[in-house]
Amino acid sequence: MPKYLIAASYTHQGLQGVMREGGTGRRAALEKAIQGVGGKLETFYFAFGDDDIYLICDAPDNASVASVALAAGAAGGATTKTIVLLTPEEVDEATRKSVDYRPPGG
């Protein structure tokens, strides 16, 4: 199953929710959402800085994980960035593929 890194930044409304239900409540809510699309939450961390949470999850496909990100954004509690993660073996596979590419101006 593909693996994804999701970084999220809470809005004011989202931070109020975290204050009410705590960190474990948010982790449980996201775990349920990801399981609902056939995925699995692997890790969940709160952080300092530009992003408030980072999570890594498995999902069946891009559309499934996008549906979770869209639902979170539509609810107004957070903005998200989703990054598709590749294993070293997937990179090995990519290096073995031949691509006919011309650089700009080349």
N, C-alpha and C. Protein backbone atom coordinates (compact mmCIF):
# COMPACT_ATOMS: atom_id res chain seq x y z
N MET A 1 0.85 -1.17 0.00
CA MET A 1 0.00 0.00 0.00
C MET A 1 0.90 1.24 0.00
N PRO A 2 0.57 2.26 -0.80
CA PRO A 2 1.38 3.48 -0.80
C PRO A 2 1.40 4.15 0.57
N LYS A 3 2.50 4.85 0.84
CA LYS A 3 2.71 5.52 2.12
C LYS A 3 2.74 7.02 1.89
N TYR A 4 2.17 7.76 2.83
CA TYR A 4 2.04 9.21 2.70
C TYR A 4 2.47 9.91 3.99
N LEU A 5 3.06 11.08 3.82
CA LEU A 5 3.35 11.99 4.92
C LEU A 5 2.36 13.14 4.80
N ILE A 6 1.63 13.39 5.86
CA ILE A 6 0.70 14.52 5.87
C ILE A 6 1.15 15.48 6.95
N ALA A 7 1.34 16.73 6.56
CA ALA A 7 1.67 17.81 7.49
C ALA A 7 0.44 18.71 7.56
N ALA A 8 0.06 19.09 8.76
CA ALA A 8 -1.12 19.92 8.92
C ALA A 8 -0.83 21.08 9.85
N SER A 9 -1.48 22.19 9.54
CA SER A 9 -1.41 23.38 10.40
C SER A 9 -2.83 23.70 10.84
N TYR A 10 -3.02 23.81 12.14
CA TYR A 10 -4.34 24.09 12.67
C TYR A 10 -4.73 25.55 12.47
N THR A 11 -5.99 25.75 12.19
CA THR A 11 -6.56 27.10 12.20
C THR A 11 -6.89 27.42 13.65
N HIS A 12 -7.35 28.64 13.89
CA HIS A 12 -7.77 29.03 15.23
C HIS A 12 -8.85 28.07 15.73
N GLN A 13 -9.80 27.78 14.87
CA GLN A 13 -10.89 26.85 15.19
C GLN A 13 -10.34 25.46 15.54
N GLY A 14 -9.38 25.00 14.77
CA GLY A 14 -8.77 23.70 15.02
C GLY A 14 -8.03 23.64 16.34
N LEU A 15 -7.32 24.70 16.66
CA LEU A 15 -6.60 24.74 17.94
C LEU A 15 -7.57 24.72 19.12
N GLN A 16 -8.71 25.37 18.97
CA GLN A 16 -9.72 25.33 20.03
C GLN A 16 -10.19 23.89 20.24
N GLY A 17 -10.36 23.15 19.14
CA GLY A 17 -10.75 21.75 19.25
C GLY A 17 -9.70 20.91 19.95
N VAL A 18 -8.43 21.14 19.65
CA VAL A 18 -7.35 20.40 20.31
C VAL A 18 -7.37 20.71 21.81
N MET A 19 -7.59 21.95 22.16
CA MET A 19 -7.64 22.33 23.58
C MET A 19 -8.78 21.60 24.30
N ARG A 20 -9.90 21.39 23.62
CA ARG A 20 -11.05 20.71 24.23
C ARG A 20 -10.84 19.21 24.36
N GLU A 21 -10.33 18.56 23.29
CA GLU A 21 -10.28 17.10 23.29
C GLU A 21 -8.89 16.51 23.49
N GLY A 22 -7.86 17.35 23.47
CA GLY A 22 -6.51 16.88 23.70
C GLY A 22 -5.87 16.23 22.47
N GLY A 23 -4.61 15.95 22.61
CA GLY A 23 -3.85 15.37 21.51
C GLY A 23 -4.27 13.96 21.15
N THR A 24 -4.57 13.14 22.14
CA THR A 24 -4.95 11.76 21.85
C THR A 24 -6.31 11.72 21.15
N GLY A 25 -7.16 12.68 21.44
CA GLY A 25 -8.45 12.74 20.75
C GLY A 25 -8.29 13.03 19.27
N ARG A 26 -7.35 13.93 18.93
CA ARG A 26 -7.09 14.22 17.51
C ARG A 26 -6.48 13.02 16.82
N ARG A 27 -5.56 12.35 17.49
CA ARG A 27 -4.96 11.15 16.88
C ARG A 27 -6.04 10.11 16.61
N ALA A 28 -6.93 9.89 17.56
CA ALA A 28 -8.01 8.90 17.38
C ALA A 28 -8.93 9.29 16.23
N ALA A 29 -9.24 10.58 16.11
CA ALA A 29 -10.12 11.04 15.03
C ALA A 29 -9.47 10.82 13.67
N LEU A 30 -8.19 11.12 13.55
CA LEU A 30 -7.50 10.93 12.27
C LEU A 30 -7.29 9.45 11.97
N GLU A 31 -7.03 8.67 12.99
CA GLU A 31 -6.89 7.23 12.77
C GLU A 31 -8.20 6.65 12.23
N LYS A 32 -9.32 7.07 12.79
CA LYS A 32 -10.63 6.61 12.32
C LYS A 32 -10.89 7.05 10.88
N ALA A 33 -10.54 8.30 10.56
CA ALA A 33 -10.75 8.82 9.20
C ALA A 33 -9.93 8.03 8.19
N ILE A 34 -8.69 7.76 8.52
CA ILE A 34 -7.81 7.03 7.60
C ILE A 34 -8.26 5.58 7.46
N GLN A 35 -8.65 4.96 8.55
CA GLN A 35 -9.18 3.60 8.48
C GLN A 35 -10.46 3.56 7.64
N GLY A 36 -11.24 4.62 7.69
CA GLY A 36 -12.49 4.68 6.94
C GLY A 36 -12.30 4.65 5.43
N VAL A 37 -11.12 5.01 4.95
CA VAL A 37 -10.85 4.94 3.51
C VAL A 37 -9.97 3.73 3.17
N GLY A 38 -9.84 2.81 4.14
CA GLY A 38 -9.07 1.59 3.90
C GLY A 38 -7.60 1.70 4.21
N GLY A 39 -7.20 2.76 4.93
CA GLY A 39 -5.80 2.97 5.24
C GLY A 39 -5.47 2.64 6.68
N LYS A 40 -4.22 2.94 7.04
CA LYS A 40 -3.73 2.67 8.40
C LYS A 40 -2.81 3.81 8.83
N LEU A 41 -3.06 4.36 10.01
CA LEU A 41 -2.20 5.39 10.58
C LEU A 41 -0.97 4.71 11.17
N GLU A 42 0.21 5.11 10.70
CA GLU A 42 1.45 4.51 11.20
C GLU A 42 2.03 5.33 12.35
N THR A 43 2.18 6.64 12.14
CA THR A 43 2.72 7.50 13.19
C THR A 43 1.98 8.83 13.19
N PHE A 44 1.97 9.48 14.35
CA PHE A 44 1.29 10.77 14.52
C PHE A 44 2.09 11.56 15.54
N TYR A 45 2.54 12.75 15.15
CA TYR A 45 3.30 13.60 16.06
C TYR A 45 2.83 15.03 15.98
N PHE A 46 2.78 15.69 17.14
CA PHE A 46 2.62 17.14 17.19
C PHE A 46 4.01 17.75 17.08
N ALA A 47 4.10 18.99 16.58
CA ALA A 47 5.40 19.61 16.37
C ALA A 47 5.33 21.11 16.59
N PHE A 48 6.48 21.70 16.81
CA PHE A 48 6.63 23.15 16.84
C PHE A 48 6.97 23.60 15.43
N GLY A 49 6.69 24.84 15.10
CA GLY A 49 7.09 25.37 13.81
C GLY A 49 5.92 25.68 12.91
N ASP A 50 6.17 25.65 11.60
CA ASP A 50 5.14 25.99 10.62
C ASP A 50 3.98 25.01 10.63
N ASP A 51 4.26 23.74 10.86
CA ASP A 51 3.21 22.72 10.88
C ASP A 51 2.99 22.24 12.30
N ASP A 52 1.75 21.93 12.62
CA ASP A 52 1.39 21.51 13.98
C ASP A 52 1.41 20.00 14.16
N ILE A 53 1.10 19.27 13.10
CA ILE A 53 1.15 17.81 13.20
C ILE A 53 1.80 17.22 11.95
N TYR A 54 2.41 16.06 12.16
CA TYR A 54 2.94 15.25 11.07
C TYR A 54 2.44 13.83 11.30
N LEU A 55 1.94 13.23 10.24
CA LEU A 55 1.55 11.84 10.37
C LEU A 55 1.98 11.08 9.13
N ILE A 56 2.25 9.81 9.33
CA ILE A 56 2.56 8.92 8.22
C ILE A 56 1.48 7.85 8.22
N CYS A 57 0.94 7.61 7.04
CA CYS A 57 -0.12 6.62 6.92
C CYS A 57 0.04 5.83 5.64
N ASP A 58 -0.59 4.67 5.61
CA ASP A 58 -0.74 3.88 4.40
C ASP A 58 -2.15 4.11 3.91
N ALA A 59 -2.33 4.16 2.61
CA ALA A 59 -3.66 4.29 2.02
C ALA A 59 -3.67 3.52 0.71
N PRO A 60 -4.85 3.05 0.29
CA PRO A 60 -4.92 2.25 -0.93
C PRO A 60 -4.46 2.99 -2.18
N ASP A 61 -4.69 4.31 -2.23
CA ASP A 61 -4.35 5.08 -3.43
C ASP A 61 -4.41 6.57 -3.13
N ASN A 62 -3.98 7.37 -4.11
CA ASN A 62 -3.96 8.83 -3.93
C ASN A 62 -5.33 9.40 -3.64
N ALA A 63 -6.37 8.89 -4.32
CA ALA A 63 -7.71 9.42 -4.12
C ALA A 63 -8.19 9.20 -2.68
N SER A 64 -7.83 8.07 -2.10
CA SER A 64 -8.25 7.79 -0.72
C SER A 64 -7.64 8.76 0.27
N VAL A 65 -6.34 8.98 0.15
CA VAL A 65 -5.69 9.90 1.09
C VAL A 65 -6.11 11.35 0.80
N ALA A 66 -6.35 11.66 -0.47
CA ALA A 66 -6.84 13.01 -0.80
C ALA A 66 -8.21 13.26 -0.19
N SER A 67 -9.05 12.24 -0.11
CA SER A 67 -10.37 12.42 0.48
C SER A 67 -10.28 12.80 1.95
N VAL A 68 -9.31 12.25 2.66
CA VAL A 68 -9.11 12.61 4.07
C VAL A 68 -8.63 14.06 4.17
N ALA A 69 -7.68 14.44 3.33
CA ALA A 69 -7.17 15.81 3.35
C ALA A 69 -8.26 16.81 2.98
N LEU A 70 -9.07 16.47 1.99
CA LEU A 70 -10.18 17.35 1.60
C LEU A 70 -11.19 17.50 2.72
N ALA A 71 -11.52 16.41 3.39
CA ALA A 71 -12.47 16.47 4.50
C ALA A 71 -11.94 17.34 5.63
N ALA A 72 -10.64 17.20 5.93
CA ALA A 72 -10.04 18.02 6.99
C ALA A 72 -10.07 19.51 6.60
N GLY A 73 -9.72 19.80 5.37
CA GLY A 73 -9.73 21.18 4.91
C GLY A 73 -11.13 21.77 4.87
N ALA A 74 -12.10 20.99 4.41
CA ALA A 74 -13.48 21.47 4.31
C ALA A 74 -14.09 21.72 5.69
N ALA A 75 -13.64 20.98 6.70
CA ALA A 75 -14.17 21.17 8.05
C ALA A 75 -13.67 22.47 8.68
N GLY A 76 -12.61 23.04 8.11
CA GLY A 76 -12.12 24.33 8.59
C GLY A 76 -11.15 24.28 9.76
N GLY A 77 -10.77 23.09 10.20
CA GLY A 77 -9.90 23.00 11.36
C GLY A 77 -8.41 23.01 11.06
N ALA A 78 -8.06 22.75 9.81
CA ALA A 78 -6.64 22.66 9.48
C ALA A 78 -6.43 22.79 7.98
N THR A 79 -5.22 23.19 7.62
CA THR A 79 -4.77 23.10 6.24
C THR A 79 -3.75 21.97 6.19
N THR A 80 -3.71 21.26 5.07
CA THR A 80 -2.84 20.09 4.99
C THR A 80 -1.95 20.14 3.76
N LYS A 81 -0.84 19.43 3.86
CA LYS A 81 0.05 19.15 2.73
C LYS A 81 0.27 17.65 2.74
N THR A 82 0.10 17.01 1.60
CA THR A 82 0.27 15.57 1.50
C THR A 82 1.45 15.27 0.58
N ILE A 83 2.33 14.41 1.05
CA ILE A 83 3.53 14.05 0.31
C ILE A 83 3.53 12.53 0.12
N VAL A 84 3.65 12.09 -1.12
CA VAL A 84 3.75 10.66 -1.41
C VAL A 84 5.18 10.22 -1.07
N LEU A 85 5.31 9.16 -0.29
CA LEU A 85 6.62 8.65 0.11
C LEU A 85 6.97 7.44 -0.74
N LEU A 86 8.24 7.33 -1.10
CA LEU A 86 8.75 6.21 -1.89
C LEU A 86 9.75 5.41 -1.07
N THR A 87 9.70 4.11 -1.21
CA THR A 87 10.69 3.25 -0.56
C THR A 87 11.99 3.28 -1.38
N PRO A 88 13.11 2.89 -0.79
CA PRO A 88 14.34 2.78 -1.58
C PRO A 88 14.18 1.83 -2.76
N GLU A 89 13.40 0.77 -2.59
CA GLU A 89 13.18 -0.18 -3.68
C GLU A 89 12.39 0.46 -4.83
N GLU A 90 11.45 1.33 -4.50
CA GLU A 90 10.71 2.03 -5.56
C GLU A 90 11.62 2.99 -6.32
N VAL A 91 12.55 3.61 -5.62
CA VAL A 91 13.52 4.47 -6.30
C VAL A 91 14.42 3.62 -7.19
N ASP A 92 14.84 2.44 -6.70
CA ASP A 92 15.63 1.53 -7.54
C ASP A 92 14.87 1.21 -8.82
N GLU A 93 13.58 0.90 -8.70
CA GLU A 93 12.76 0.60 -9.86
C GLU A 93 12.70 1.79 -10.82
N ALA A 94 12.58 2.99 -10.26
CA ALA A 94 12.53 4.19 -11.09
C ALA A 94 13.83 4.41 -11.86
N THR A 95 14.96 4.09 -11.22
CA THR A 95 16.25 4.29 -11.90
C THR A 95 16.45 3.32 -13.06
N ARG A 96 15.72 2.23 -13.05
CA ARG A 96 15.84 1.25 -14.13
C ARG A 96 14.94 1.55 -15.32
N LYS A 97 14.09 2.53 -15.21
CA LYS A 97 13.19 2.88 -16.31
C LYS A 97 13.89 3.87 -17.24
N SER A 98 13.66 3.71 -18.51
CA SER A 98 14.25 4.60 -19.51
C SER A 98 13.23 5.69 -19.85
N VAL A 99 13.69 6.92 -19.81
CA VAL A 99 12.81 8.07 -20.08
C VAL A 99 13.40 8.90 -21.20
N ASP A 100 12.61 9.20 -22.19
CA ASP A 100 13.01 10.08 -23.29
C ASP A 100 12.68 11.51 -22.88
N TYR A 101 13.67 12.25 -22.39
CA TYR A 101 13.45 13.59 -21.84
C TYR A 101 14.41 14.58 -22.48
N ARG A 102 13.91 15.74 -22.84
CA ARG A 102 14.72 16.82 -23.36
C ARG A 102 14.60 17.99 -22.40
N PRO A 103 15.75 18.50 -21.86
CA PRO A 103 15.67 19.64 -20.95
C PRO A 103 15.27 20.92 -21.71
N PRO A 104 14.78 21.91 -20.98
CA PRO A 104 14.41 23.17 -21.63
C PRO A 104 15.60 23.76 -22.40
N GLY A 105 15.37 24.17 -23.61
CA GLY A 105 16.41 24.76 -24.42
C GLY A 105 17.38 23.75 -25.03
N GLY A 106 17.19 22.49 -24.72
CA GLY A 106 18.13 21.45 -25.18
C GLY A 106 17.75 20.84 -26.51
